[in-house]
Amino acid sequence: MKVVKRNYYDDQGNLLIKPYRLKDLAEIYGVCNRTMKKWIKNAAPQAKRNRSQFYPIAAVANILEALGLPQRIETKKAA
């Protein structure tokens, strides 16, 4: 099975604001789906999905505003 690494950031390191699924948001924040669902329920209850798996852009913006921007930490490989 091929593992696909999704790119959530642009070349400058800024988070791309677009419709995301719950699992994508969880991956961005580095938590499990269950934790992300609880965070959204508590911090941004107005952020709802519309008949699909994806949170619309407005809901993603509300979630980011309520939870704050995720930190992007990269590790460097040892020489």
PDB file of N, CA and C in Angstrom:
ATOM      1  N   MET A   1       0.835  -1.170   0.000  1.00  0.00           N
ATOM      2  CA  MET A   1       0.000   0.000   0.000  1.00  0.00           C
ATOM      3  C   MET A   1       0.884   1.239   0.000  1.00  0.00           C
ATOM      4  N   LYS A   2       0.550   2.198  -0.856  1.00  0.00           N
ATOM      5  CA  LYS A   2       1.337   3.406  -0.987  1.00  0.00           C
ATOM      6  C   LYS A   2       0.837   4.461   0.003  1.00  0.00           C
ATOM      7  N   VAL A   3       1.750   5.053   0.765  1.00  0.00           N
ATOM      8  CA  VAL A   3       1.403   6.089   1.727  1.00  0.00           C
ATOM      9  C   VAL A   3       1.580   7.444   1.058  1.00  0.00           C
ATOM     10  N   VAL A   4       0.515   8.253   1.091  1.00  0.00           N
ATOM     11  CA  VAL A   4       0.548   9.564   0.466  1.00  0.00           C
ATOM     12  C   VAL A   4       0.707  10.616   1.552  1.00  0.00           C
ATOM     13  N   LYS A   5       1.732  11.435   1.431  1.00  0.00           N
ATOM     14  CA  LYS A   5       1.952  12.535   2.368  1.00  0.00           C
ATOM     15  C   LYS A   5       1.276  13.772   1.804  1.00  0.00           C
ATOM     16  N   ARG A   6       0.271  14.261   2.494  1.00  0.00           N
ATOM     17  CA  ARG A   6      -0.454  15.438   2.027  1.00  0.00           C
ATOM     18  C   ARG A   6       0.311  16.694   2.383  1.00  0.00           C
ATOM     19  N   ASN A   7       0.198  17.685   1.526  1.00  0.00           N
ATOM     20  CA  ASN A   7       0.868  18.946   1.761  1.00  0.00           C
ATOM     21  C   ASN A   7      -0.165  19.974   2.196  1.00  0.00           C
ATOM     22  N   TYR A   8      -0.107  20.372   3.461  1.00  0.00           N
ATOM     23  CA  TYR A   8      -1.052  21.327   4.004  1.00  0.00           C
ATOM     24  C   TYR A   8      -0.483  22.742   4.030  1.00  0.00           C
ATOM     25  N   TYR A   9       0.775  22.891   3.678  1.00  0.00           N
ATOM     26  CA  TYR A   9       1.449  24.182   3.763  1.00  0.00           C
ATOM     27  C   TYR A   9       1.969  24.592   2.385  1.00  0.00           C
ATOM     28  N   ASP A  10       2.048  25.909   2.160  1.00  0.00           N
ATOM     29  CA  ASP A  10       2.607  26.393   0.901  1.00  0.00           C
ATOM     30  C   ASP A  10       4.127  26.482   1.012  1.00  0.00           C
ATOM     31  N   ASP A  11       4.785  27.041  -0.002  1.00  0.00           N
ATOM     32  CA  ASP A  11       6.246  27.113  -0.037  1.00  0.00           C
ATOM     33  C   ASP A  11       6.832  27.970   1.082  1.00  0.00           C
ATOM     34  N   GLN A  12       6.081  28.984   1.532  1.00  0.00           N
ATOM     35  CA  GLN A  12       6.567  29.862   2.599  1.00  0.00           C
ATOM     36  C   GLN A  12       6.281  29.303   3.987  1.00  0.00           C
ATOM     37  N   GLY A  13       5.584  28.187   4.078  1.00  0.00           N
ATOM     38  CA  GLY A  13       5.289  27.564   5.361  1.00  0.00           C
ATOM     39  C   GLY A  13       3.965  27.990   5.954  1.00  0.00           C
ATOM     40  N   ASN A  14       3.117  28.669   5.186  1.00  0.00           N
ATOM     41  CA  ASN A  14       1.805  29.097   5.654  1.00  0.00           C
ATOM     42  C   ASN A  14       0.784  27.990   5.416  1.00  0.00           C
ATOM     43  N   LEU A  15      -0.122  27.833   6.367  1.00  0.00           N
ATOM     44  CA  LEU A  15      -1.166  26.827   6.246  1.00  0.00           C
ATOM     45  C   LEU A  15      -2.136  27.223   5.135  1.00  0.00           C
ATOM     46  N   LEU A  16      -2.445  26.292   4.255  1.00  0.00           N
ATOM     47  CA  LEU A  16      -3.407  26.541   3.182  1.00  0.00           C
ATOM     48  C   LEU A  16      -4.814  26.450   3.762  1.00  0.00           C
ATOM     49  N   ILE A  17      -5.608  27.499   3.555  1.00  0.00           N
ATOM     50  CA  ILE A  17      -6.986  27.504   4.036  1.00  0.00           C
ATOM     51  C   ILE A  17      -7.865  26.994   2.903  1.00  0.00           C
ATOM     52  N   LYS A  18      -8.394  25.798   3.103  1.00  0.00           N
ATOM     53  CA  LYS A  18      -9.254  25.152   2.126  1.00  0.00           C
ATOM     54  C   LYS A  18     -10.131  24.168   2.882  1.00  0.00           C
ATOM     55  N   PRO A  19     -11.144  23.580   2.258  1.00  0.00           N
ATOM     56  CA  PRO A  19     -11.968  22.594   2.960  1.00  0.00           C
ATOM     57  C   PRO A  19     -11.128  21.392   3.406  1.00  0.00           C
ATOM     58  N   TYR A  20     -11.296  20.999   4.661  1.00  0.00           N
ATOM     59  CA  TYR A  20     -10.559  19.864   5.219  1.00  0.00           C
ATOM     60  C   TYR A  20     -11.528  18.876   5.852  1.00  0.00           C
ATOM     61  N   ARG A  21     -11.131  17.623   5.881  1.00  0.00           N
ATOM     62  CA  ARG A  21     -11.850  16.592   6.619  1.00  0.00           C
ATOM     63  C   ARG A  21     -11.363  16.605   8.061  1.00  0.00           C
ATOM     64  N   LEU A  22     -12.077  15.931   8.929  1.00  0.00           N
ATOM     65  CA  LEU A  22     -11.691  15.850  10.330  1.00  0.00           C
ATOM     66  C   LEU A  22     -10.304  15.230  10.469  1.00  0.00           C
ATOM     67  N   LYS A  23     -10.042  14.175   9.699  1.00  0.00           N
ATOM     68  CA  LYS A  23      -8.747  13.509   9.812  1.00  0.00           C
ATOM     69  C   LYS A  23      -7.605  14.399   9.319  1.00  0.00           C
ATOM     70  N   ASP A  24      -7.881  15.272   8.342  1.00  0.00           N
ATOM     71  CA  ASP A  24      -6.858  16.207   7.878  1.00  0.00           C
ATOM     72  C   ASP A  24      -6.543  17.241   8.964  1.00  0.00           C
ATOM     73  N   LEU A  25      -7.581  17.785   9.597  1.00  0.00           N
ATOM     74  CA  LEU A  25      -7.364  18.743  10.680  1.00  0.00           C
ATOM     75  C   LEU A  25      -6.608  18.096  11.841  1.00  0.00           C
ATOM     76  N   ALA A  26      -6.949  16.854  12.149  1.00  0.00           N
ATOM     77  CA  ALA A  26      -6.255  16.144  13.213  1.00  0.00           C
ATOM     78  C   ALA A  26      -4.783  15.952  12.867  1.00  0.00           C
ATOM     79  N   GLU A  27      -4.495  15.656  11.624  1.00  0.00           N
ATOM     80  CA  GLU A  27      -3.109  15.478  11.194  1.00  0.00           C
ATOM     81  C   GLU A  27      -2.340  16.803  11.248  1.00  0.00           C
ATOM     82  N   ILE A  28      -3.003  17.895  10.884  1.00  0.00           N
ATOM     83  CA  ILE A  28      -2.371  19.209  10.932  1.00  0.00           C
ATOM     84  C   ILE A  28      -1.998  19.571  12.369  1.00  0.00           C
ATOM     85  N   TYR A  29      -2.898  19.311  13.312  1.00  0.00           N
ATOM     86  CA  TYR A  29      -2.652  19.643  14.713  1.00  0.00           C
ATOM     87  C   TYR A  29      -1.842  18.574  15.446  1.00  0.00           C
ATOM     88  N   GLY A  30      -1.668  17.417  14.832  1.00  0.00           N
ATOM     89  CA  GLY A  30      -0.863  16.358  15.438  1.00  0.00           C
ATOM     90  C   GLY A  30      -1.558  15.624  16.567  1.00  0.00           C
ATOM     91  N   VAL A  31      -2.878  15.454  16.445  1.00  0.00           N
ATOM     92  CA  VAL A  31      -3.653  14.727  17.448  1.00  0.00           C
ATOM     93  C   VAL A  31      -4.493  13.664  16.746  1.00  0.00           C
ATOM     94  N   CYS A  32      -5.143  12.821  17.523  1.00  0.00           N
ATOM     95  CA  CYS A  32      -6.005  11.803  16.919  1.00  0.00           C
ATOM     96  C   CYS A  32      -7.361  12.413  16.558  1.00  0.00           C
ATOM     97  N   ASN A  33      -8.124  11.712  15.739  1.00  0.00           N
ATOM     98  CA  ASN A  33      -9.420  12.202  15.272  1.00  0.00           C
ATOM     99  C   ASN A  33     -10.374  12.484  16.433  1.00  0.00           C
ATOM    100  N   ARG A  34     -10.348  11.616  17.408  1.00  0.00           N
ATOM    101  CA  ARG A  34     -11.248  11.750  18.556  1.00  0.00           C
ATOM    102  C   ARG A  34     -10.970  13.041  19.332  1.00  0.00           C
ATOM    103  N   THR A  35      -9.691  13.334  19.543  1.00  0.00           N
ATOM    104  CA  THR A  35      -9.300  14.548  20.248  1.00  0.00           C
ATOM    105  C   THR A  35      -9.698  15.779  19.441  1.00  0.00           C
ATOM    106  N   MET A  36      -9.464  15.741  18.138  1.00  0.00           N
ATOM    107  CA  MET A  36      -9.809  16.882  17.283  1.00  0.00           C
ATOM    108  C   MET A  36     -11.305  17.142  17.319  1.00  0.00           C
ATOM    109  N   LYS A  37     -12.093  16.088  17.300  1.00  0.00           N
ATOM    110  CA  LYS A  37     -13.545  16.230  17.342  1.00  0.00           C
ATOM    111  C   LYS A  37     -13.991  16.902  18.644  1.00  0.00           C
ATOM    112  N   LYS A  38     -13.375  16.517  19.762  1.00  0.00           N
ATOM    113  CA  LYS A  38     -13.689  17.134  21.056  1.00  0.00           C
ATOM    114  C   LYS A  38     -13.272  18.597  21.084  1.00  0.00           C
ATOM    115  N   TRP A  39     -12.097  18.892  20.550  1.00  0.00           N
ATOM    116  CA  TRP A  39     -11.631  20.283  20.510  1.00  0.00           C
ATOM    117  C   TRP A  39     -12.595  21.151  19.717  1.00  0.00           C
ATOM    118  N   ILE A  40     -13.031  20.666  18.559  1.00  0.00           N
ATOM    119  CA  ILE A  40     -13.956  21.435  17.718  1.00  0.00           C
ATOM    120  C   ILE A  40     -15.286  21.621  18.442  1.00  0.00           C
ATOM    121  N   LYS A  41     -15.769  20.568  19.074  1.00  0.00           N
ATOM    122  CA  LYS A  41     -17.045  20.635  19.781  1.00  0.00           C
ATOM    123  C   LYS A  41     -16.995  21.668  20.905  1.00  0.00           C
ATOM    124  N   ASN A  42     -15.873  21.730  21.626  1.00  0.00           N
ATOM    125  CA  ASN A  42     -15.752  22.643  22.762  1.00  0.00           C
ATOM    126  C   ASN A  42     -15.369  24.061  22.359  1.00  0.00           C
ATOM    127  N   ALA A  43     -14.447  24.216  21.433  1.00  0.00           N
ATOM    128  CA  ALA A  43     -13.909  25.535  21.097  1.00  0.00           C
ATOM    129  C   ALA A  43     -14.663  26.224  19.965  1.00  0.00           C
ATOM    130  N   ALA A  44     -15.158  25.474  19.028  1.00  0.00           N
ATOM    131  CA  ALA A  44     -15.833  26.066  17.860  1.00  0.00           C
ATOM    132  C   ALA A  44     -17.093  25.273  17.517  1.00  0.00           C
ATOM    133  N   PRO A  45     -18.108  25.313  18.398  1.00  0.00           N
ATOM    134  CA  PRO A  45     -19.316  24.513  18.131  1.00  0.00           C
ATOM    135  C   PRO A  45     -20.086  24.959  16.894  1.00  0.00           C
ATOM    136  N   GLN A  46     -19.879  26.194  16.433  1.00  0.00           N
ATOM    137  CA  GLN A  46     -20.572  26.668  15.236  1.00  0.00           C
ATOM    138  C   GLN A  46     -19.977  26.098  13.965  1.00  0.00           C
ATOM    139  N   ALA A  47     -18.804  25.484  14.037  1.00  0.00           N
ATOM    140  CA  ALA A  47     -18.151  24.890  12.864  1.00  0.00           C
ATOM    141  C   ALA A  47     -18.782  23.521  12.590  1.00  0.00           C
ATOM    142  N   LYS A  48     -19.602  23.478  11.578  1.00  0.00           N
ATOM    143  CA  LYS A  48     -20.318  22.245  11.230  1.00  0.00           C
ATOM    144  C   LYS A  48     -19.984  21.815   9.816  1.00  0.00           C
ATOM    145  N   ARG A  49     -20.075  20.514   9.589  1.00  0.00           N
ATOM    146  CA  ARG A  49     -19.917  19.976   8.238  1.00  0.00           C
ATOM    147  C   ARG A  49     -21.273  20.007   7.545  1.00  0.00           C
ATOM    148  N   ASN A  50     -21.267  20.272   6.257  1.00  0.00           N
ATOM    149  CA  ASN A  50     -22.504  20.322   5.480  1.00  0.00           C
ATOM    150  C   ASN A  50     -22.640  19.082   4.605  1.00  0.00           C
ATOM    151  N   ARG A  51     -23.426  18.132   4.998  1.00  0.00           N
ATOM    152  CA  ARG A  51     -23.758  16.941   4.193  1.00  0.00           C
ATOM    153  C   ARG A  51     -22.568  16.250   3.537  1.00  0.00           C
ATOM    154  N   SER A  52     -21.391  16.577   3.910  1.00  0.00           N
ATOM    155  CA  SER A  52     -20.226  15.915   3.330  1.00  0.00           C
ATOM    156  C   SER A  52     -19.210  15.674   4.442  1.00  0.00           C
ATOM    157  N   GLN A  53     -18.108  15.111   4.066  1.00  0.00           N
ATOM    158  CA  GLN A  53     -17.044  14.854   5.029  1.00  0.00           C
ATOM    159  C   GLN A  53     -16.243  16.104   5.333  1.00  0.00           C
ATOM    160  N   PHE A  54     -16.340  17.107   4.490  1.00  0.00           N
ATOM    161  CA  PHE A  54     -15.468  18.268   4.571  1.00  0.00           C
ATOM    162  C   PHE A  54     -16.087  19.414   5.356  1.00  0.00           C
ATOM    163  N   TYR A  55     -15.228  20.082   6.152  1.00  0.00           N
ATOM    164  CA  TYR A  55     -15.611  21.342   6.768  1.00  0.00           C
ATOM    165  C   TYR A  55     -15.398  22.431   5.718  1.00  0.00           C
ATOM    166  N   PRO A  56     -16.393  23.304   5.491  1.00  0.00           N
ATOM    167  CA  PRO A  56     -16.195  24.371   4.508  1.00  0.00           C
ATOM    168  C   PRO A  56     -15.141  25.375   4.971  1.00  0.00           C
ATOM    169  N   ILE A  57     -14.700  26.223   4.064  1.00  0.00           N
ATOM    170  CA  ILE A  57     -13.629  27.170   4.361  1.00  0.00           C
ATOM    171  C   ILE A  57     -13.981  28.047   5.559  1.00  0.00           C
ATOM    172  N   ALA A  58     -15.213  28.506   5.657  1.00  0.00           N
ATOM    173  CA  ALA A  58     -15.629  29.352   6.779  1.00  0.00           C
ATOM    174  C   ALA A  58     -15.501  28.603   8.108  1.00  0.00           C
ATOM    175  N   ALA A  59     -15.869  27.326   8.116  1.00  0.00           N
ATOM    176  CA  ALA A  59     -15.759  26.520   9.330  1.00  0.00           C
ATOM    177  C   ALA A  59     -14.295  26.281   9.694  1.00  0.00           C
ATOM    178  N   VAL A  60     -13.451  26.044   8.700  1.00  0.00           N
ATOM    179  CA  VAL A  60     -12.015  25.855   8.941  1.00  0.00           C
ATOM    180  C   VAL A  60     -11.429  27.136   9.534  1.00  0.00           C
ATOM    181  N   ALA A  61     -11.837  28.289   9.004  1.00  0.00           N
ATOM    182  CA  ALA A  61     -11.357  29.567   9.539  1.00  0.00           C
ATOM    183  C   ALA A  61     -11.793  29.744  10.993  1.00  0.00           C
ATOM    184  N   ASN A  62     -13.035  29.359  11.328  1.00  0.00           N
ATOM    185  CA  ASN A  62     -13.521  29.441  12.708  1.00  0.00           C
ATOM    186  C   ASN A  62     -12.727  28.521  13.630  1.00  0.00           C
ATOM    187  N   ILE A  63     -12.427  27.329  13.162  1.00  0.00           N
ATOM    188  CA  ILE A  63     -11.664  26.371  13.959  1.00  0.00           C
ATOM    189  C   ILE A  63     -10.255  26.903  14.222  1.00  0.00           C
ATOM    190  N   LEU A  64      -9.612  27.421  13.177  1.00  0.00           N
ATOM    191  CA  LEU A  64      -8.260  27.966  13.335  1.00  0.00           C
ATOM    192  C   LEU A  64      -8.249  29.165  14.276  1.00  0.00           C
ATOM    193  N   GLU A  65      -9.282  29.986  14.202  1.00  0.00           N
ATOM    194  CA  GLU A  65      -9.378  31.152  15.083  1.00  0.00           C
ATOM    195  C   GLU A  65      -9.578  30.722  16.531  1.00  0.00           C
ATOM    196  N   ALA A  66     -10.422  29.709  16.750  1.00  0.00           N
ATOM    197  CA  ALA A  66     -10.722  29.241  18.103  1.00  0.00           C
ATOM    198  C   ALA A  66      -9.553  28.482  18.723  1.00  0.00           C
ATOM    199  N   LEU A  67      -8.882  27.646  17.944  1.00  0.00           N
ATOM    200  CA  LEU A  67      -7.809  26.803  18.471  1.00  0.00           C
ATOM    201  C   LEU A  67      -6.427  27.432  18.316  1.00  0.00           C
ATOM    202  N   GLY A  68      -6.313  28.429  17.454  1.00  0.00           N
ATOM    203  CA  GLY A  68      -5.003  29.006  17.173  1.00  0.00           C
ATOM    204  C   GLY A  68      -4.340  28.252  16.036  1.00  0.00           C
ATOM    205  N   LEU A  69      -3.325  28.887  15.473  1.00  0.00           N
ATOM    206  CA  LEU A  69      -2.606  28.249  14.372  1.00  0.00           C
ATOM    207  C   LEU A  69      -1.754  27.102  14.900  1.00  0.00           C
ATOM    208  N   PRO A  70      -1.743  25.981  14.193  1.00  0.00           N
ATOM    209  CA  PRO A  70      -0.912  24.860  14.625  1.00  0.00           C
ATOM    210  C   PRO A  70       0.561  25.181  14.401  1.00  0.00           C
ATOM    211  N   GLN A  71       1.394  24.664  15.279  1.00  0.00           N
ATOM    212  CA  GLN A  71       2.829  24.847  15.123  1.00  0.00           C
ATOM    213  C   GLN A  71       3.356  23.788  14.179  1.00  0.00           C
ATOM    214  N   ARG A  72       4.196  24.222  13.283  1.00  0.00           N
ATOM    215  CA  ARG A  72       4.820  23.286  12.341  1.00  0.00           C
ATOM    216  C   ARG A  72       6.240  23.075  12.796  1.00  0.00           C
ATOM    217  N   ILE A  73       6.537  21.891  13.277  1.00  0.00           N
ATOM    218  CA  ILE A  73       7.852  21.565  13.788  1.00  0.00           C
ATOM    219  C   ILE A  73       8.508  20.551  12.866  1.00  0.00           C
ATOM    220  N   GLU A  74       9.653  20.896  12.366  1.00  0.00           N
ATOM    221  CA  GLU A  74      10.380  19.965  11.514  1.00  0.00           C
ATOM    222  C   GLU A  74      11.654  19.538  12.219  1.00  0.00           C
ATOM    223  N   THR A  75      11.957  18.288  12.126  1.00  0.00           N
ATOM    224  CA  THR A  75      13.206  17.789  12.717  1.00  0.00           C
ATOM    225  C   THR A  75      14.227  17.634  11.633  1.00  0.00           C
ATOM    226  N   LYS A  76      15.454  17.919  11.982  1.00  0.00           N
ATOM    227  CA  LYS A  76      16.543  17.775  11.016  1.00  0.00           C
ATOM    228  C   LYS A  76      17.195  16.426  11.222  1.00  0.00           C
ATOM    229  N   LYS A  77      17.603  15.824  10.139  1.00  0.00           N
ATOM    230  CA  LYS A  77      18.275  14.539  10.220  1.00  0.00           C
ATOM    231  C   LYS A  77      19.727  14.745  10.650  1.00  0.00           C
ATOM    232  N   ALA A  78      20.194  13.826  11.444  1.00  0.00           N
ATOM    233  CA  ALA A  78      21.587  13.873  11.884  1.00  0.00           C
ATOM    234  C   ALA A  78      22.500  13.540  10.714  1.00  0.00           C
ATOM    235  N   ALA A  79      23.645  14.163  10.708  1.00  0.00           N
ATOM    236  CA  ALA A  79      24.586  13.947   9.608  1.00  0.00           C
ATOM    237  C   ALA A  79      25.238  12.610   9.669  1.00  0.00           C
TER     238      ALA A  79
END
